[in-house]
N, C-alpha and C. Protein backbone atom coordinates (compact mmCIF):
# COMPACT_ATOMS: atom_id res chain seq x y z
N MET A 1 2.53 82.10 -138.86
CA MET A 1 3.52 81.24 -137.80
C MET A 1 2.66 80.04 -137.35
N ASN A 2 1.50 80.29 -136.98
CA ASN A 2 0.55 79.29 -136.53
C ASN A 2 0.42 78.31 -137.47
N LYS A 3 0.26 78.63 -138.75
CA LYS A 3 0.05 77.62 -140.05
C LYS A 3 1.21 76.86 -140.09
N LEU A 4 2.39 77.51 -139.86
CA LEU A 4 3.60 76.68 -140.00
C LEU A 4 3.81 75.62 -138.93
N ILE A 5 3.39 76.04 -137.73
CA ILE A 5 3.36 75.11 -136.66
C ILE A 5 2.56 73.92 -136.71
N SER A 6 1.34 74.14 -137.14
CA SER A 6 0.19 73.35 -137.58
C SER A 6 0.76 72.23 -138.63
N ILE A 7 1.35 72.78 -139.64
CA ILE A 7 2.06 71.97 -140.79
C ILE A 7 3.08 70.96 -140.11
N VAL A 8 3.89 71.39 -139.45
CA VAL A 8 5.02 70.73 -138.83
C VAL A 8 4.31 69.78 -137.79
N ALA A 9 3.52 69.96 -137.02
CA ALA A 9 2.83 68.94 -136.16
C ALA A 9 2.05 67.94 -137.01
N LEU A 10 1.36 68.21 -138.16
CA LEU A 10 0.65 67.28 -138.86
C LEU A 10 1.67 66.40 -139.50
N CYS A 11 2.74 67.06 -139.97
CA CYS A 11 3.81 66.11 -140.67
C CYS A 11 4.43 65.12 -139.70
N GLY A 12 4.60 65.63 -138.56
CA GLY A 12 5.26 64.75 -137.46
C GLY A 12 4.21 63.66 -137.07
N ALA A 13 3.06 63.94 -137.11
CA ALA A 13 2.16 62.98 -136.68
C ALA A 13 1.76 61.88 -137.74
N LEU A 14 1.93 62.19 -138.91
CA LEU A 14 1.78 61.47 -140.07
C LEU A 14 3.03 60.47 -140.19
N LEU A 15 4.16 61.00 -139.93
CA LEU A 15 5.32 60.10 -140.01
C LEU A 15 5.65 59.21 -138.80
N THR A 16 4.95 59.65 -137.55
CA THR A 16 5.03 58.67 -136.57
C THR A 16 4.07 57.48 -136.60
N SER A 17 2.79 57.77 -137.14
CA SER A 17 1.91 56.64 -137.58
C SER A 17 2.46 55.66 -138.57
N ASN A 18 3.15 56.26 -139.42
CA ASN A 18 3.56 55.56 -140.57
C ASN A 18 4.65 54.42 -140.08
N VAL A 19 5.43 55.02 -139.12
CA VAL A 19 6.61 53.99 -138.56
C VAL A 19 5.94 53.04 -137.64
N GLN A 20 4.99 53.37 -136.99
CA GLN A 20 4.36 52.33 -136.09
C GLN A 20 3.57 51.35 -136.96
N ALA A 21 3.04 51.68 -137.98
CA ALA A 21 2.46 50.78 -138.74
C ALA A 21 3.32 49.74 -139.33
N HIS A 22 4.64 50.08 -139.47
CA HIS A 22 5.58 49.15 -140.08
C HIS A 22 6.55 48.61 -139.18
N GLY A 23 6.08 48.56 -137.93
CA GLY A 23 6.97 48.14 -136.70
C GLY A 23 7.39 46.73 -136.80
N ASP A 24 6.78 45.79 -137.42
CA ASP A 24 7.07 44.34 -137.53
C ASP A 24 7.77 43.98 -138.74
N HIS A 25 8.11 44.92 -139.44
CA HIS A 25 8.97 44.45 -140.73
C HIS A 25 10.33 44.11 -140.17
N GLY A 26 10.78 43.18 -140.73
CA GLY A 26 12.37 42.94 -140.52
C GLY A 26 12.42 41.63 -139.59
N VAL A 27 11.25 41.31 -138.94
CA VAL A 27 11.21 40.12 -138.15
C VAL A 27 11.61 38.80 -138.92
N ILE A 28 12.40 37.99 -138.59
CA ILE A 28 12.64 36.75 -139.45
C ILE A 28 11.92 35.70 -138.81
N SER A 29 11.77 34.66 -139.42
CA SER A 29 11.14 33.22 -139.03
C SER A 29 12.21 32.39 -138.47
N GLY A 30 11.83 31.31 -137.88
CA GLY A 30 12.80 30.28 -137.18
C GLY A 30 13.61 29.66 -138.39
N GLN A 31 12.79 29.56 -139.49
CA GLN A 31 13.46 28.91 -140.63
C GLN A 31 14.55 29.68 -141.32
N LYS A 32 14.17 30.97 -141.39
CA LYS A 32 15.31 31.84 -141.73
C LYS A 32 16.49 32.06 -140.90
N ALA A 33 16.13 31.80 -139.47
CA ALA A 33 17.41 31.85 -138.56
C ALA A 33 18.37 30.75 -138.86
N VAL A 34 17.70 29.57 -139.19
CA VAL A 34 18.35 28.19 -139.43
C VAL A 34 19.18 28.50 -140.75
N SER A 35 18.63 29.13 -141.73
CA SER A 35 19.39 29.46 -142.97
C SER A 35 20.61 30.34 -142.80
N ILE A 36 20.19 31.49 -141.88
CA ILE A 36 21.38 32.36 -141.65
C ILE A 36 22.55 31.71 -140.96
N ALA A 37 22.24 30.85 -140.00
CA ALA A 37 23.37 29.94 -139.10
C ALA A 37 24.11 29.21 -140.31
N ALA A 38 23.26 28.56 -141.25
CA ALA A 38 24.00 27.66 -142.33
C ALA A 38 24.85 28.37 -143.12
N THR A 39 24.54 29.73 -143.33
CA THR A 39 25.63 30.49 -144.24
C THR A 39 26.72 31.01 -143.38
N HIS A 40 26.51 31.35 -142.10
CA HIS A 40 27.59 31.64 -141.14
C HIS A 40 28.61 30.54 -140.94
N ILE A 41 28.09 29.40 -140.98
CA ILE A 41 28.93 28.10 -140.89
C ILE A 41 29.94 28.25 -141.94
N GLN A 42 29.47 28.39 -143.21
CA GLN A 42 30.17 28.30 -144.39
C GLN A 42 31.28 29.35 -144.47
N LYS A 43 30.82 30.66 -144.04
CA LYS A 43 31.80 31.70 -143.90
C LYS A 43 32.88 31.59 -142.78
N MET A 44 32.53 30.82 -141.75
CA MET A 44 33.44 30.85 -140.46
C MET A 44 34.38 29.68 -140.91
N THR A 45 34.21 28.89 -141.90
CA THR A 45 35.25 27.87 -142.19
C THR A 45 36.44 28.53 -143.17
N PHE A 46 36.09 29.83 -143.60
CA PHE A 46 37.11 30.46 -144.30
C PHE A 46 37.80 31.49 -143.58
N LYS A 47 37.26 32.17 -142.40
CA LYS A 47 37.97 33.12 -141.56
C LYS A 47 37.19 33.22 -140.34
N ASP A 48 37.94 33.78 -139.38
CA ASP A 48 37.36 33.96 -137.87
C ASP A 48 36.40 35.19 -138.11
N ALA A 49 35.12 34.96 -137.86
CA ALA A 49 34.06 36.09 -137.68
C ALA A 49 34.02 37.02 -136.61
N GLY A 50 35.01 36.62 -135.60
CA GLY A 50 35.00 37.57 -134.29
C GLY A 50 34.12 36.97 -133.27
N PHE A 51 33.63 35.70 -133.44
CA PHE A 51 33.00 35.00 -132.25
C PHE A 51 33.73 34.25 -131.45
N GLU A 52 33.17 33.83 -130.28
CA GLU A 52 33.87 32.89 -129.37
C GLU A 52 34.54 31.58 -130.01
N VAL A 53 33.90 31.14 -130.92
CA VAL A 53 34.37 29.83 -131.54
C VAL A 53 35.51 29.99 -132.45
N GLY A 54 35.91 31.20 -132.88
CA GLY A 54 36.85 31.26 -133.85
C GLY A 54 36.53 30.78 -135.35
N LYS A 55 37.58 30.57 -136.12
CA LYS A 55 37.58 29.87 -137.38
C LYS A 55 37.31 28.28 -137.29
N LEU A 56 36.29 28.00 -137.99
CA LEU A 56 35.95 26.55 -138.02
C LEU A 56 36.79 25.56 -138.80
N ASP A 57 36.98 24.47 -138.40
CA ASP A 57 37.90 23.51 -139.23
C ASP A 57 37.06 23.09 -140.39
N GLU A 58 37.81 22.51 -141.37
CA GLU A 58 37.27 22.12 -142.62
C GLU A 58 36.03 21.14 -142.72
N SER A 59 35.69 20.37 -141.54
CA SER A 59 34.91 19.39 -141.36
C SER A 59 33.34 20.15 -141.37
N TRP A 60 33.39 21.36 -141.01
CA TRP A 60 32.13 22.12 -140.90
C TRP A 60 31.61 22.51 -142.48
N LYS A 61 32.36 22.33 -143.34
CA LYS A 61 32.06 22.80 -144.69
C LYS A 61 30.92 21.77 -145.32
N ASN A 62 31.01 20.57 -144.76
CA ASN A 62 29.92 19.64 -145.36
C ASN A 62 28.55 19.43 -144.42
N ILE A 63 28.28 20.48 -143.71
CA ILE A 63 27.14 20.34 -142.76
C ILE A 63 26.01 20.75 -143.76
N ASP A 64 24.95 19.85 -143.55
CA ASP A 64 23.77 19.78 -144.31
C ASP A 64 22.73 20.59 -143.28
N LYS A 65 21.85 21.21 -144.03
CA LYS A 65 20.81 22.07 -143.24
C LYS A 65 19.97 21.15 -142.25
N SER A 66 19.93 19.76 -142.60
CA SER A 66 19.33 19.01 -141.65
C SER A 66 19.96 18.73 -140.31
N GLN A 67 21.25 19.24 -140.10
CA GLN A 67 21.82 19.11 -138.99
C GLN A 67 21.83 20.36 -138.15
N LEU A 68 20.96 21.28 -138.58
CA LEU A 68 20.75 22.51 -137.85
C LEU A 68 19.18 22.54 -137.43
N SER A 69 18.87 23.06 -136.27
CA SER A 69 17.56 23.15 -135.79
C SER A 69 17.51 24.28 -134.76
N ILE A 70 16.17 24.69 -134.57
CA ILE A 70 16.06 25.68 -133.55
C ILE A 70 16.02 25.18 -132.19
N ALA A 71 17.00 25.50 -131.34
CA ALA A 71 17.19 25.06 -130.15
C ALA A 71 16.15 25.62 -129.00
N SER A 72 15.93 27.00 -129.18
CA SER A 72 14.94 27.77 -128.52
C SER A 72 14.53 28.97 -129.09
N VAL A 73 13.37 29.51 -128.83
CA VAL A 73 12.93 30.86 -129.21
C VAL A 73 12.65 31.77 -128.03
N GLU A 74 13.60 32.81 -128.11
CA GLU A 74 13.45 33.67 -126.89
C GLU A 74 12.57 34.89 -127.28
N ASP A 75 12.45 35.92 -126.38
CA ASP A 75 11.75 37.11 -126.66
C ASP A 75 12.48 37.87 -127.76
N ASN A 76 13.67 37.91 -127.87
CA ASN A 76 14.37 38.98 -128.76
C ASN A 76 15.38 38.13 -129.65
N PHE A 77 15.41 36.72 -129.56
CA PHE A 77 16.40 36.12 -130.46
C PHE A 77 16.00 34.58 -130.40
N TYR A 78 16.67 34.02 -131.59
CA TYR A 78 16.46 32.45 -131.82
C TYR A 78 17.83 32.06 -131.26
N VAL A 79 17.91 30.66 -130.63
CA VAL A 79 18.98 29.97 -130.70
C VAL A 79 19.01 28.82 -131.57
N VAL A 80 19.84 28.83 -132.44
CA VAL A 80 19.95 27.69 -133.43
C VAL A 80 21.26 26.65 -133.22
N SER A 81 20.75 25.51 -133.09
CA SER A 81 22.04 24.45 -132.90
C SER A 81 22.45 23.92 -134.21
N ALA A 82 23.79 23.61 -134.32
CA ALA A 82 24.37 22.93 -135.38
C ALA A 82 25.07 21.84 -134.86
N SER A 83 25.10 20.51 -135.51
CA SER A 83 25.73 19.50 -135.12
C SER A 83 26.65 18.91 -136.37
N ASN A 84 27.95 18.68 -135.86
CA ASN A 84 28.95 18.14 -136.74
C ASN A 84 28.96 16.78 -136.52
N ALA A 85 28.59 15.72 -137.39
CA ALA A 85 28.55 14.36 -137.28
C ALA A 85 29.79 13.93 -137.38
N SER A 86 30.79 14.60 -137.83
CA SER A 86 32.22 13.97 -138.32
C SER A 86 33.03 13.93 -137.06
N ASN A 87 32.77 15.05 -136.00
CA ASN A 87 33.55 15.10 -135.01
C ASN A 87 32.71 15.36 -133.78
N GLU A 88 31.27 15.24 -133.78
CA GLU A 88 30.33 15.35 -132.75
C GLU A 88 30.53 16.61 -132.11
N ASP A 89 31.01 17.84 -132.65
CA ASP A 89 30.94 18.94 -132.28
C ASP A 89 29.81 19.66 -132.39
N LYS A 90 29.31 20.62 -131.60
CA LYS A 90 27.98 21.37 -131.55
C LYS A 90 28.40 22.97 -131.50
N LEU A 91 27.50 23.53 -132.24
CA LEU A 91 27.62 25.08 -132.14
C LEU A 91 26.19 25.54 -131.91
N TYR A 92 26.12 26.64 -131.18
CA TYR A 92 24.87 27.41 -130.86
C TYR A 92 24.96 28.77 -131.35
N PHE A 93 24.07 29.17 -132.28
CA PHE A 93 24.04 30.49 -132.71
C PHE A 93 22.86 31.37 -132.13
N GLN A 94 23.39 32.46 -131.54
CA GLN A 94 22.26 33.31 -130.95
C GLN A 94 21.87 34.40 -132.24
N ILE A 95 20.79 34.38 -132.70
CA ILE A 95 20.27 35.28 -133.81
C ILE A 95 19.04 35.97 -133.49
N ALA A 96 19.42 37.28 -133.46
CA ALA A 96 18.31 38.35 -133.14
C ALA A 96 17.10 38.21 -134.21
N LYS A 97 16.08 38.54 -133.81
CA LYS A 97 14.76 38.61 -134.59
C LYS A 97 14.70 39.22 -135.95
N ASN A 98 15.86 40.35 -135.88
CA ASN A 98 15.97 41.02 -137.15
C ASN A 98 16.90 40.34 -138.22
N GLY A 99 17.55 39.26 -137.75
CA GLY A 99 18.42 38.38 -138.50
C GLY A 99 19.86 38.48 -138.32
N GLN A 100 20.30 39.46 -137.22
CA GLN A 100 21.67 39.67 -136.94
C GLN A 100 22.19 38.43 -136.10
N VAL A 101 23.39 37.88 -136.41
CA VAL A 101 24.11 36.91 -135.48
C VAL A 101 24.78 37.73 -134.52
N ILE A 102 24.30 37.37 -133.24
CA ILE A 102 24.83 38.02 -131.99
C ILE A 102 25.91 37.46 -131.56
N ALA A 103 25.92 36.07 -131.28
CA ALA A 103 27.05 35.28 -130.89
C ALA A 103 26.92 33.94 -131.46
N VAL A 104 28.15 33.37 -131.39
CA VAL A 104 28.25 31.75 -131.65
C VAL A 104 29.05 31.20 -130.58
N LYS A 105 28.62 30.07 -129.96
CA LYS A 105 29.30 29.49 -128.76
C LYS A 105 29.35 28.03 -128.93
N ASN A 106 30.09 27.34 -128.09
CA ASN A 106 30.01 25.66 -128.23
C ASN A 106 29.04 25.31 -127.21
N LYS A 107 28.37 26.16 -126.42
CA LYS A 107 27.41 25.76 -125.26
C LYS A 107 26.19 26.65 -125.50
N ASN A 108 25.16 26.24 -125.14
CA ASN A 108 23.82 26.96 -125.11
C ASN A 108 23.67 27.77 -123.84
N ASN A 109 24.55 28.73 -123.73
CA ASN A 109 24.39 29.53 -122.34
C ASN A 109 24.13 31.06 -122.71
N PHE A 110 23.03 31.46 -123.38
CA PHE A 110 22.82 32.75 -123.80
C PHE A 110 21.78 33.25 -122.93
């Protein structure tokens, strides 16, 4: 019984240290956040993705990546801004450091 408990404790310790060693995997760069926002803009011209801004009009289909930039870097997320030159609209994407799009708004008030 003591051997079984020792083995279970050893396995638990090994698994815990392995998880801690890989804690920073999945953290995206600012450039990746911009790329994710660009992809979401294209998707949002076809359908409402459930964000505050709803479905985007056709003018957003022609947005170039040069019209997107990092507006701010926070502890847990990036804010990416996108400018539409054809109608002077702006969008702000709140993108978690793991790459998940949390929110899309017309104002940078995250």
